[in-house]
């Protein structure tokens, strides 16, 4: 009964957020909404964070989960539709994954649109990977992770590293990733009105905010259309009612070895929402995936 009431409350909160997002016609409105909603929905997790430090034109900070990390590193690219950030949501999410995986995290605070349109965010994320490499981190210990638009940036960063001959991380984890900014997937129409958080009309604003006047099928903007050969093992998590469901399905179908889990009835980046038991199960699954691909490099660390 308690779980049912808790889920009912979460669903009502998501309904209110969906309506508010539909009314938030500007990036500033989206930022204000996320700032108000974050404390009510974010996971509770024990962690510490470093002071922010400059990474080229962006910022980053270390997120240290409680316990004893075993040497792994998660380079995390946060979501927010390319226009917003919410430490109150993303730092606890990163700490939760890190605690389960025995890793600490580096959060990338990239420049936001529309003040800084494409390619600013991609340049900042690539600079963060160069920062880790230049400071001596073993790529075999590192996993890229990204949620929503951050999943887009994680994959774009990995593709660029491959194309420029840089070392690649051991694995990639994508949570409800926005991989197709053209929104050509069937689920974008099929799940409109079913997705607990977003409506298609609201989501389309991202196109003009992030990449105005550009070719949205460019793989640097929509990595679904990029070449997937030579990339690290990738795990994708997505909810069955999401607008972006088909982004993950199509990416997994074209990428041999990619693992995908479709979580029935789960909202966008449900792993970050407090009180959803499936979120804990998903984080445990992510941790197993990270262990599987970093254990050799982190053994004894």
Protein backbone atom coordinates (compact mmCIF):
# COMPACT_ATOMS: atom_id res chain seq x y z
CA UNK A 1 0.00 0.00 0.00
CA UNK A 2 2.79 2.43 0.90
CA UNK A 3 4.57 1.78 -2.40
CA UNK A 4 1.33 2.34 -4.32
CA UNK A 5 0.68 5.63 -2.54
CA UNK A 6 4.25 6.73 -3.12
CA UNK A 7 3.99 5.98 -6.84
CA UNK A 8 0.63 7.79 -6.98
CA UNK A 9 2.27 10.86 -5.46
CA UNK A 10 5.16 10.66 -7.93
CA UNK A 11 2.75 10.36 -10.85
CA UNK A 12 0.82 13.44 -9.69
CA UNK A 13 4.07 15.36 -9.35
CA UNK A 14 5.10 14.34 -12.88
CA UNK A 15 1.70 15.42 -14.20
CA UNK A 16 2.20 18.85 -12.65
CA UNK A 17 5.73 19.04 -14.03
CA UNK A 18 4.51 18.12 -17.52
CA UNK A 19 1.92 20.89 -17.44
CA UNK A 20 4.49 23.38 -16.17
CA UNK A 21 7.00 22.41 -18.85
CA UNK A 22 4.34 22.94 -21.50
CA UNK A 23 3.82 26.47 -20.17
CA UNK A 24 7.53 27.21 -19.81
CA UNK A 25 8.07 28.73 -23.22
CA UNK A 26 11.63 29.91 -22.59
CA UNK A 27 14.86 28.31 -21.41
CA UNK A 28 14.72 30.59 -18.38
CA UNK A 29 11.29 29.20 -17.55
CA UNK A 30 12.57 25.64 -17.85
CA UNK A 31 15.50 26.45 -15.55
CA UNK A 32 13.22 28.00 -12.95
CA UNK A 33 10.88 25.00 -13.03
CA UNK A 34 13.72 22.51 -12.63
CA UNK A 35 15.17 24.53 -9.77
CA UNK A 36 11.82 24.46 -7.94
CA UNK A 37 11.09 20.78 -8.61
CA UNK A 38 14.54 19.32 -7.93
CA UNK A 39 14.37 19.17 -4.12
CA UNK A 40 11.04 17.35 -4.26
CA UNK A 41 12.07 14.59 -6.63
CA UNK A 42 15.82 14.06 -6.22
CA UNK A 43 17.28 10.93 -4.66
CA UNK A 44 18.68 11.19 -1.15
CA UNK A 45 22.29 10.07 -1.15
CA UNK A 46 25.31 10.64 1.08
CA UNK A 47 28.23 12.15 -0.82
CA UNK A 48 30.70 15.00 -0.85
CA UNK A 49 31.62 17.21 -3.76
CA UNK A 50 34.72 19.20 -4.54
CA UNK A 51 34.89 22.88 -5.30
CA UNK A 52 34.18 23.51 -9.00
CA UNK A 53 37.28 23.87 -11.15
CA UNK A 54 37.77 25.16 -14.66
CA UNK A 55 37.96 22.75 -17.59
CA UNK A 56 38.69 24.93 -20.64
CA UNK A 57 35.54 27.07 -20.95
CA UNK A 58 33.44 24.82 -18.72
CA UNK A 59 33.49 23.72 -15.08
CA UNK A 60 33.64 20.39 -13.35
CA UNK A 61 33.55 18.96 -9.86
CA UNK A 62 34.24 15.61 -8.25
CA UNK A 63 31.38 13.73 -6.61
CA UNK A 64 32.59 11.29 -3.95
CA UNK A 65 29.98 8.80 -2.73
CA UNK A 66 30.00 7.57 0.83
CA UNK A 67 32.04 4.41 1.32
CA UNK A 68 35.25 3.28 -0.31
CA UNK A 69 35.36 3.69 -4.10
CA UNK A 70 37.46 0.99 -5.72
CA UNK A 71 39.23 3.10 -8.32
CA UNK A 72 36.62 3.53 -11.02
CA UNK A 73 35.71 6.92 -12.49
CA UNK A 74 32.39 7.96 -14.01
CA UNK A 75 32.58 10.96 -16.32
CA UNK A 76 28.99 12.20 -16.21
CA UNK A 77 27.25 14.47 -18.70
CA UNK A 78 24.02 15.80 -17.16
CA UNK A 79 20.68 16.23 -18.84
CA UNK A 80 18.43 19.27 -18.98
CA UNK A 81 17.55 19.61 -22.65
CA UNK A 82 20.89 21.34 -23.34
CA UNK A 83 19.47 24.44 -21.63
CA UNK A 84 19.36 23.65 -17.89
CA UNK A 85 21.33 21.99 -15.13
CA UNK A 86 20.30 20.83 -11.67
CA UNK A 87 23.00 19.80 -9.24
CA UNK A 88 20.28 18.89 -6.74
CA UNK A 89 19.18 16.10 -9.10
CA UNK A 90 22.31 15.04 -10.93
CA UNK A 91 24.88 15.00 -8.14
CA UNK A 92 22.84 12.49 -6.04
CA UNK A 93 22.20 10.40 -9.16
CA UNK A 94 25.91 10.26 -9.93
CA UNK A 95 26.72 9.51 -6.28
CA UNK A 96 24.17 6.67 -6.23
CA UNK A 97 25.66 5.04 -9.30
CA UNK A 98 29.17 5.63 -7.97
CA UNK A 99 28.40 4.07 -4.60
CA UNK A 100 26.94 0.98 -6.24
CA UNK A 101 29.79 0.73 -8.75
CA UNK A 102 32.65 1.59 -6.40
CA UNK A 103 33.55 4.70 -8.37
CA UNK A 104 33.79 8.43 -7.96
CA UNK A 105 32.33 10.79 -10.49
CA UNK A 106 33.38 13.87 -12.41
CA UNK A 107 30.40 16.05 -13.31
CA UNK A 108 30.78 18.20 -16.42
CA UNK A 109 29.09 21.60 -16.16
CA UNK A 110 29.10 22.44 -19.86
CA UNK A 111 27.91 25.72 -21.35
CA UNK A 112 24.15 25.89 -21.88
CA UNK A 113 22.02 26.90 -24.84
CA UNK A 114 20.64 29.19 -26.10
CA UNK A 115 23.31 31.52 -24.76
CA UNK A 116 25.86 29.00 -26.08
CA UNK A 117 24.44 27.01 -28.98
CA UNK A 118 25.97 23.94 -30.64
CA UNK A 119 28.86 23.13 -30.69
CA UNK A 120 29.71 24.75 -27.32
CA UNK A 121 28.45 21.89 -25.15
CA UNK A 122 30.17 19.26 -27.29
CA UNK A 123 33.46 21.16 -27.12
CA UNK A 124 33.21 21.37 -23.32
CA UNK A 125 32.48 17.67 -22.95
CA UNK A 126 35.37 16.73 -25.20
CA UNK A 127 37.61 19.03 -23.15
CA UNK A 128 36.55 17.13 -20.01
CA UNK A 129 37.68 13.84 -21.54
CA UNK A 130 40.97 15.43 -22.58
CA UNK A 131 41.33 16.71 -19.02
CA UNK A 132 41.05 13.22 -17.56
CA UNK A 133 43.47 11.80 -20.11
CA UNK A 134 46.01 14.60 -19.62
CA UNK A 135 45.97 14.16 -15.84
CA UNK A 136 46.92 10.51 -16.15
CA UNK A 137 43.71 8.58 -15.64
CA UNK A 138 43.71 5.09 -17.12
CA UNK A 139 40.89 5.01 -19.72
CA UNK A 140 40.21 1.42 -18.67
CA UNK A 141 39.00 2.76 -15.32
CA UNK A 142 36.64 5.34 -16.83
CA UNK A 143 33.02 5.03 -17.90
CA UNK A 144 31.08 7.74 -19.73
CA UNK A 145 27.55 8.21 -18.39
CA UNK A 146 24.84 10.60 -19.50
CA UNK A 147 21.14 11.13 -18.96
CA UNK A 148 18.73 12.63 -21.48
CA UNK A 149 20.59 15.32 -23.47
CA UNK A 150 23.67 14.31 -21.49
CA UNK A 151 23.39 10.89 -23.09
CA UNK A 152 23.61 12.64 -26.44
CA UNK A 153 26.78 14.44 -25.33
CA UNK A 154 28.35 11.27 -23.89
CA UNK A 155 27.93 9.48 -27.20
CA UNK A 156 29.06 12.46 -29.29
CA UNK A 157 32.17 12.72 -27.11
CA UNK A 158 32.97 9.03 -27.56
CA UNK A 159 32.47 9.24 -31.33
CA UNK A 160 34.78 12.23 -31.59
CA UNK A 161 37.45 10.56 -29.44
CA UNK A 162 37.31 7.52 -31.71
CA UNK A 163 37.48 9.62 -34.88
CA UNK A 164 40.46 11.65 -33.59
CA UNK A 165 42.36 8.59 -32.42
CA UNK A 166 42.11 9.33 -28.70
CA UNK A 167 41.75 6.57 -26.11
CA UNK A 168 38.17 5.54 -25.38
CA UNK A 169 36.53 4.83 -22.02
CA UNK A 170 35.90 1.27 -20.91
CA UNK A 171 32.15 1.57 -21.39
CA UNK A 172 29.23 3.97 -21.89
CA UNK A 173 25.98 4.19 -19.89
CA UNK A 174 23.05 6.09 -21.40
CA UNK A 175 19.88 6.84 -19.40
CA UNK A 176 16.82 7.89 -21.42
CA UNK A 177 19.19 9.39 -23.99
CA UNK A 178 18.10 12.00 -26.52
CA UNK A 179 19.97 10.67 -29.54
CA UNK A 180 17.80 12.05 -32.35
CA UNK A 181 17.19 15.80 -32.26
CA UNK A 182 15.19 15.49 -35.50
CA UNK A 183 12.62 13.59 -33.40
CA UNK A 184 11.96 11.15 -36.24
CA UNK A 185 11.36 8.12 -34.02
CA UNK A 186 7.89 6.62 -34.05
CA UNK A 187 7.65 6.83 -30.27
CA UNK A 188 7.85 10.62 -30.46
CA UNK A 189 4.33 10.52 -31.91
CA UNK A 190 3.15 7.21 -30.47
CA UNK A 191 3.93 8.15 -26.88
CA UNK A 192 2.82 11.77 -27.06
CA UNK A 193 0.25 12.06 -24.29
CA UNK A 194 1.55 8.86 -22.67
CA UNK A 195 5.01 10.05 -21.62
CA UNK A 196 4.61 11.05 -17.97
CA UNK A 197 6.84 14.13 -18.26
CA UNK A 198 7.07 15.53 -21.79
CA UNK A 199 4.78 16.45 -24.66
CA UNK A 200 6.09 16.45 -28.22
CA UNK A 201 5.30 20.13 -28.74
CA UNK A 202 7.37 21.10 -25.70
CA UNK A 203 10.30 18.86 -26.65
CA UNK A 204 10.55 20.34 -30.15
CA UNK A 205 11.64 23.66 -28.67
CA UNK A 206 15.03 22.08 -28.07
CA UNK A 207 15.74 22.19 -31.79
CA UNK A 208 15.70 25.98 -31.97
CA UNK A 209 17.33 26.47 -28.59
CA UNK A 210 20.27 24.12 -29.15
CA UNK A 211 20.96 24.05 -32.90
CA UNK A 212 19.05 26.85 -34.62
CA UNK A 213 19.18 26.70 -38.38
CA UNK A 214 21.53 23.70 -38.45
CA UNK A 215 21.26 20.24 -39.97
CA UNK A 216 19.71 18.34 -37.07
CA UNK A 217 20.65 15.00 -38.66
CA UNK A 218 24.35 15.85 -38.29
CA UNK A 219 25.72 13.03 -36.09
CA UNK A 220 27.40 15.62 -33.88
CA UNK A 221 23.89 16.85 -33.04
CA UNK A 222 21.96 13.58 -33.40
CA UNK A 223 24.45 10.76 -32.72
CA UNK A 224 21.85 8.15 -33.64
CA UNK A 225 22.90 8.83 -37.24
CA UNK A 226 26.61 8.39 -36.59
CA UNK A 227 28.85 5.38 -37.14
CA UNK A 228 28.84 3.08 -34.13
CA UNK A 229 31.75 0.82 -35.02
CA UNK A 230 34.73 0.96 -32.70
CA UNK A 231 32.85 2.34 -29.71
CA UNK A 232 33.03 0.84 -26.20
CA UNK A 233 30.34 -1.50 -24.84
CA UNK A 234 27.19 0.50 -24.23
CA UNK A 235 24.24 0.05 -21.88
CA UNK A 236 21.00 1.92 -22.55
CA UNK A 237 18.10 2.30 -20.11
CA UNK A 238 14.79 3.82 -21.20
CA UNK A 239 11.17 3.79 -20.04
CA UNK A 240 8.48 2.21 -22.21
CA UNK A 241 6.22 5.33 -22.30
CA UNK A 242 8.96 7.82 -23.20
CA UNK A 243 8.96 10.02 -26.26
CA UNK A 244 12.62 9.06 -26.79
CA UNK A 245 12.03 5.30 -26.51
CA UNK A 246 12.79 4.70 -30.18
CA UNK A 247 16.08 6.63 -29.94
CA UNK A 248 17.43 3.83 -27.73
CA UNK A 249 15.73 1.01 -29.65
CA UNK A 250 17.11 2.17 -32.99
CA UNK A 251 20.58 2.77 -31.58
CA UNK A 252 20.72 -0.69 -30.01
CA UNK A 253 19.46 -2.29 -33.24
CA UNK A 254 22.30 -0.74 -35.28
CA UNK A 255 25.05 -1.31 -32.70
CA UNK A 256 26.25 -4.91 -32.27
CA UNK A 257 26.86 -5.68 -28.63
CA UNK A 258 24.88 -2.77 -27.22
CA UNK A 259 22.72 -3.77 -24.27
CA UNK A 260 19.30 -2.21 -23.78
CA UNK A 261 16.77 -2.46 -20.95
CA UNK A 262 13.27 -1.08 -21.51
CA UNK A 263 11.66 -0.43 -18.13
CA UNK A 264 7.88 -0.83 -18.22
CA UNK A 265 5.95 2.29 -17.29
CA UNK A 266 9.01 4.20 -16.11
CA UNK A 267 9.34 7.97 -16.66
CA UNK A 268 12.26 9.88 -18.10
CA UNK A 269 15.52 9.25 -16.15
CA UNK A 270 13.55 7.45 -13.44
CA UNK A 271 16.85 6.44 -11.80
CA UNK A 272 17.14 10.03 -10.51
CA UNK A 273 13.70 10.13 -8.88
CA UNK A 274 13.33 9.39 -5.19
CA UNK A 275 10.89 6.68 -4.20
CA UNK A 276 10.80 4.54 -7.36
CA UNK A 277 11.96 1.00 -6.45
CA UNK A 278 12.81 0.27 -10.08
CA UNK A 279 15.32 3.11 -9.86
CA UNK A 280 17.31 1.19 -7.26
CA UNK A 281 17.17 -1.97 -9.35
CA UNK A 282 18.29 -0.05 -12.42
CA UNK A 283 21.25 1.45 -10.57
CA UNK A 284 22.28 -2.02 -9.37
CA UNK A 285 22.17 -3.21 -13.00
CA UNK A 286 24.24 -0.24 -14.12
CA UNK A 287 26.79 -0.99 -11.39
CA UNK A 288 27.08 -4.59 -12.55
CA UNK A 289 27.72 -3.36 -16.10
CA UNK A 290 30.39 -0.92 -14.90
CA UNK A 291 32.08 -3.62 -12.80
CA UNK A 292 32.12 -5.99 -15.75
CA UNK A 293 34.01 -3.52 -17.93
CA UNK A 294 36.33 -1.84 -15.42
CA UNK A 295 37.19 -4.60 -12.95
CA UNK A 296 40.47 -5.53 -14.65
CA UNK A 297 41.75 -1.94 -14.57
CA UNK A 298 40.50 -1.16 -11.07
CA UNK A 299 41.58 -4.41 -9.39
CA UNK A 300 43.61 -3.52 -6.33
CA UNK A 301 43.04 0.22 -6.78
